[in-house]
PDB file of N, CA and C in Angstrom:
ATOM      1  N   MET A   1     138.895 213.375  10.454  1.00  0.00           N
ATOM      2  CA  MET A   1     140.325 213.191  10.629  1.00  0.00           C
ATOM      3  C   MET A   1     140.574 212.326  11.871  1.00  0.00           C
ATOM      4  N   LYS A   2     141.470 211.394  11.745  1.00  0.00           N
ATOM      5  CA  LYS A   2     141.755 210.463  12.830  1.00  0.00           C
ATOM      6  C   LYS A   2     142.702 211.105  13.843  1.00  0.00           C
ATOM      7  N   LYS A   3     142.401 210.899  15.146  1.00  0.00           N
ATOM      8  CA  LYS A   3     143.256 211.454  16.199  1.00  0.00           C
ATOM      9  C   LYS A   3     144.501 210.596  16.364  1.00  0.00           C
ATOM     10  N   GLU A   4     145.601 211.256  16.650  1.00  0.00           N
ATOM     11  CA  GLU A   4     146.851 210.539  16.859  1.00  0.00           C
ATOM     12  C   GLU A   4     146.923 210.058  18.307  1.00  0.00           C
ATOM     13  N   TRP A   5     147.381 208.801  18.480  1.00  0.00           N
ATOM     14  CA  TRP A   5     147.477 208.212  19.807  1.00  0.00           C
ATOM     15  C   TRP A   5     148.586 208.881  20.591  1.00  0.00           C
ATOM     16  N   LYS A   6     148.296 209.224  21.841  1.00  0.00           N
ATOM     17  CA  LYS A   6     149.290 209.835  22.720  1.00  0.00           C
ATOM     18  C   LYS A   6     149.587 208.879  23.855  1.00  0.00           C
ATOM     19  N   LYS A   7     150.854 208.779  24.222  1.00  0.00           N
ATOM     20  CA  LYS A   7     151.262 207.904  25.316  1.00  0.00           C
ATOM     21  C   LYS A   7     150.740 208.483  26.629  1.00  0.00           C
ATOM     22  N   PRO A   8     150.079 207.661  27.490  1.00  0.00           N
ATOM     23  CA  PRO A   8     149.573 208.176  28.762  1.00  0.00           C
ATOM     24  C   PRO A   8     150.716 208.556  29.704  1.00  0.00           C
ATOM     25  N   VAL A   9     150.459 209.574  30.501  1.00  0.00           N
ATOM     26  CA  VAL A   9     151.444 210.043  31.470  1.00  0.00           C
ATOM     27  C   VAL A   9     151.116 209.426  32.817  1.00  0.00           C
ATOM     28  N   LEU A  10     152.110 208.804  33.444  1.00  0.00           N
ATOM     29  CA  LEU A  10     151.899 208.186  34.750  1.00  0.00           C
ATOM     30  C   LEU A  10     152.296 209.144  35.852  1.00  0.00           C
ATOM     31  N   GLU A  11     151.490 209.140  36.911  1.00  0.00           N
ATOM     32  CA  GLU A  11     151.760 209.997  38.059  1.00  0.00           C
ATOM     33  C   GLU A  11     152.339 209.128  39.178  1.00  0.00           C
ATOM     34  N   VAL A  12     153.425 209.593  39.784  1.00  0.00           N
ATOM     35  CA  VAL A  12     154.047 208.861  40.881  1.00  0.00           C
ATOM     36  C   VAL A  12     153.394 209.308  42.183  1.00  0.00           C
ATOM     37  N   LEU A  13     152.827 208.347  42.913  1.00  0.00           N
ATOM     38  CA  LEU A  13     152.144 208.651  44.166  1.00  0.00           C
ATOM     39  C   LEU A  13     153.065 208.374  45.343  1.00  0.00           C
ATOM     40  N   ASP A  14     152.995 209.233  46.334  1.00  0.00           N
ATOM     41  CA  ASP A  14     153.771 209.061  47.559  1.00  0.00           C
ATOM     42  C   ASP A  14     152.938 208.228  48.528  1.00  0.00           C
ATOM     43  N   VAL A  15     153.421 207.045  48.892  1.00  0.00           N
ATOM     44  CA  VAL A  15     152.641 206.169  49.759  1.00  0.00           C
ATOM     45  C   VAL A  15     152.557 206.690  51.187  1.00  0.00           C
ATOM     46  N   ASN A  16     153.366 207.670  51.550  1.00  0.00           N
ATOM     47  CA  ASN A  16     153.296 208.244  52.892  1.00  0.00           C
ATOM     48  C   ASN A  16     152.088 209.171  53.041  1.00  0.00           C
ATOM     49  N   MET A  17     151.558 209.657  51.955  1.00  0.00           N
ATOM     50  CA  MET A  17     150.385 210.522  52.009  1.00  0.00           C
ATOM     51  C   MET A  17     149.164 209.712  51.618  1.00  0.00           C
ATOM     52  N   THR A  18     148.264 209.492  52.572  1.00  0.00           N
ATOM     53  CA  THR A  18     147.056 208.709  52.328  1.00  0.00           C
ATOM     54  C   THR A  18     145.844 209.618  52.437  1.00  0.00           C
ATOM     55  N   MET A  19     144.659 209.029  52.417  1.00  0.00           N
ATOM     56  CA  MET A  19     143.429 209.828  52.480  1.00  0.00           C
ATOM     57  C   MET A  19     143.323 210.620  53.778  1.00  0.00           C
ATOM     58  N   ALA A  20     143.856 210.086  54.870  1.00  0.00           N
ATOM     59  CA  ALA A  20     143.748 210.762  56.159  1.00  0.00           C
ATOM     60  C   ALA A  20     144.977 211.608  56.473  1.00  0.00           C
ATOM     61  N   GLY A  21     145.929 211.685  55.573  1.00  0.00           N
ATOM     62  CA  GLY A  21     147.139 212.454  55.810  1.00  0.00           C
ATOM     63  C   GLY A  21     148.338 211.532  55.965  1.00  0.00           C
ATOM     64  N   PRO A  22     149.344 211.962  56.692  1.00  0.00           N
ATOM     65  CA  PRO A  22     150.556 211.163  56.826  1.00  0.00           C
ATOM     66  C   PRO A  22     150.338 209.812  57.502  1.00  0.00           C
ATOM     67  N   GLY A  23     149.328 209.672  58.330  1.00  0.00           N
ATOM     68  CA  GLY A  23     149.018 208.393  58.937  1.00  0.00           C
ATOM     69  C   GLY A  23     149.802 208.108  60.201  1.00  0.00           C
ATOM     70  N   THR A  24     150.440 209.114  60.757  1.00  0.00           N
ATOM     71  CA  THR A  24     151.213 208.870  61.976  1.00  0.00           C
ATOM     72  C   THR A  24     150.377 209.104  63.224  1.00  0.00           C
ATOM     73  N   SER A  25     149.410 210.032  63.170  1.00  0.00           N
ATOM     74  CA  SER A  25     148.607 210.306  64.362  1.00  0.00           C
ATOM     75  C   SER A  25     147.316 209.497  64.395  1.00  0.00           C
ATOM     76  N   ILE A  26     146.637 209.363  63.244  1.00  0.00           N
ATOM     77  CA  ILE A  26     145.381 208.609  63.168  1.00  0.00           C
ATOM     78  C   ILE A  26     145.528 207.547  62.085  1.00  0.00           C
ATOM     79  N   PRO A  27     145.498 206.265  62.435  1.00  0.00           N
ATOM     80  CA  PRO A  27     145.563 205.217  61.398  1.00  0.00           C
ATOM     81  C   PRO A  27     144.346 205.299  60.483  1.00  0.00           C
ATOM     82  N   ASP A  28     144.542 205.013  59.210  1.00  0.00           N
ATOM     83  CA  ASP A  28     143.446 205.072  58.247  1.00  0.00           C
ATOM     84  C   ASP A  28     142.374 204.034  58.533  1.00  0.00           C
ATOM     85  N   ALA A  29     142.743 202.928  59.186  1.00  0.00           N
ATOM     86  CA  ALA A  29     141.779 201.860  59.437  1.00  0.00           C
ATOM     87  C   ALA A  29     140.687 202.298  60.414  1.00  0.00           C
ATOM     88  N   VAL A  30     140.965 203.247  61.298  1.00  0.00           N
ATOM     89  CA  VAL A  30     139.969 203.679  62.275  1.00  0.00           C
ATOM     90  C   VAL A  30     139.385 205.045  61.932  1.00  0.00           C
ATOM     91  N   GLN A  31     139.710 205.568  60.754  1.00  0.00           N
ATOM     92  CA  GLN A  31     139.190 206.861  60.328  1.00  0.00           C
ATOM     93  C   GLN A  31     137.713 206.702  59.976  1.00  0.00           C
ATOM     94  N   PRO A  32     136.781 207.420  60.617  1.00  0.00           N
ATOM     95  CA  PRO A  32     135.361 207.256  60.322  1.00  0.00           C
ATOM     96  C   PRO A  32     135.016 207.799  58.935  1.00  0.00           C
ATOM     97  N   ASP A  33     134.051 207.169  58.291  1.00  0.00           N
ATOM     98  CA  ASP A  33     133.579 207.592  56.982  1.00  0.00           C
ATOM     99  C   ASP A  33     132.282 208.370  57.174  1.00  0.00           C
ATOM    100  N   PRO A  34     132.267 209.672  56.904  1.00  0.00           N
ATOM    101  CA  PRO A  34     131.049 210.463  57.140  1.00  0.00           C
ATOM    102  C   PRO A  34     129.893 210.085  56.221  1.00  0.00           C
ATOM    103  N   ASP A  35     130.159 209.466  55.068  1.00  0.00           N
ATOM    104  CA  ASP A  35     129.098 209.108  54.131  1.00  0.00           C
ATOM    105  C   ASP A  35     128.548 207.706  54.372  1.00  0.00           C
ATOM    106  N   GLU A  36     129.169 206.945  55.259  1.00  0.00           N
ATOM    107  CA  GLU A  36     128.745 205.562  55.490  1.00  0.00           C
ATOM    108  C   GLU A  36     127.483 205.523  56.343  1.00  0.00           C
ATOM    109  N   THR A  37     126.546 204.648  55.980  1.00  0.00           N
ATOM    110  CA  THR A  37     125.329 204.451  56.752  1.00  0.00           C
ATOM    111  C   THR A  37     125.649 203.565  57.942  1.00  0.00           C
ATOM    112  N   VAL A  38     125.323 204.018  59.143  1.00  0.00           N
ATOM    113  CA  VAL A  38     125.625 203.266  60.354  1.00  0.00           C
ATOM    114  C   VAL A  38     124.399 202.469  60.754  1.00  0.00           C
ATOM    115  N   HIS A  39     124.582 201.149  60.899  1.00  0.00           N
ATOM    116  CA  HIS A  39     123.495 200.263  61.321  1.00  0.00           C
ATOM    117  C   HIS A  39     123.840 199.723  62.700  1.00  0.00           C
ATOM    118  N   TYR A  40     123.037 200.060  63.685  1.00  0.00           N
ATOM    119  CA  TYR A  40     123.251 199.554  65.038  1.00  0.00           C
ATOM    120  C   TYR A  40     122.355 198.351  65.256  1.00  0.00           C
ATOM    121  N   SER A  41     122.923 197.310  65.868  1.00  0.00           N
ATOM    122  CA  SER A  41     122.108 196.112  66.109  1.00  0.00           C
ATOM    123  C   SER A  41     121.740 196.000  67.567  1.00  0.00           C
TER     124      SER A  41
END
């Protein structure tokens, strides 16, 4: 039996909430990545 196509549901994202939080105390650009490999030269 063929499945019926369902319209995808879109989620509205709040741009004030980022990966690091509201972004007012710590900018996301300077947020350290714990999984990143650090290479010192």
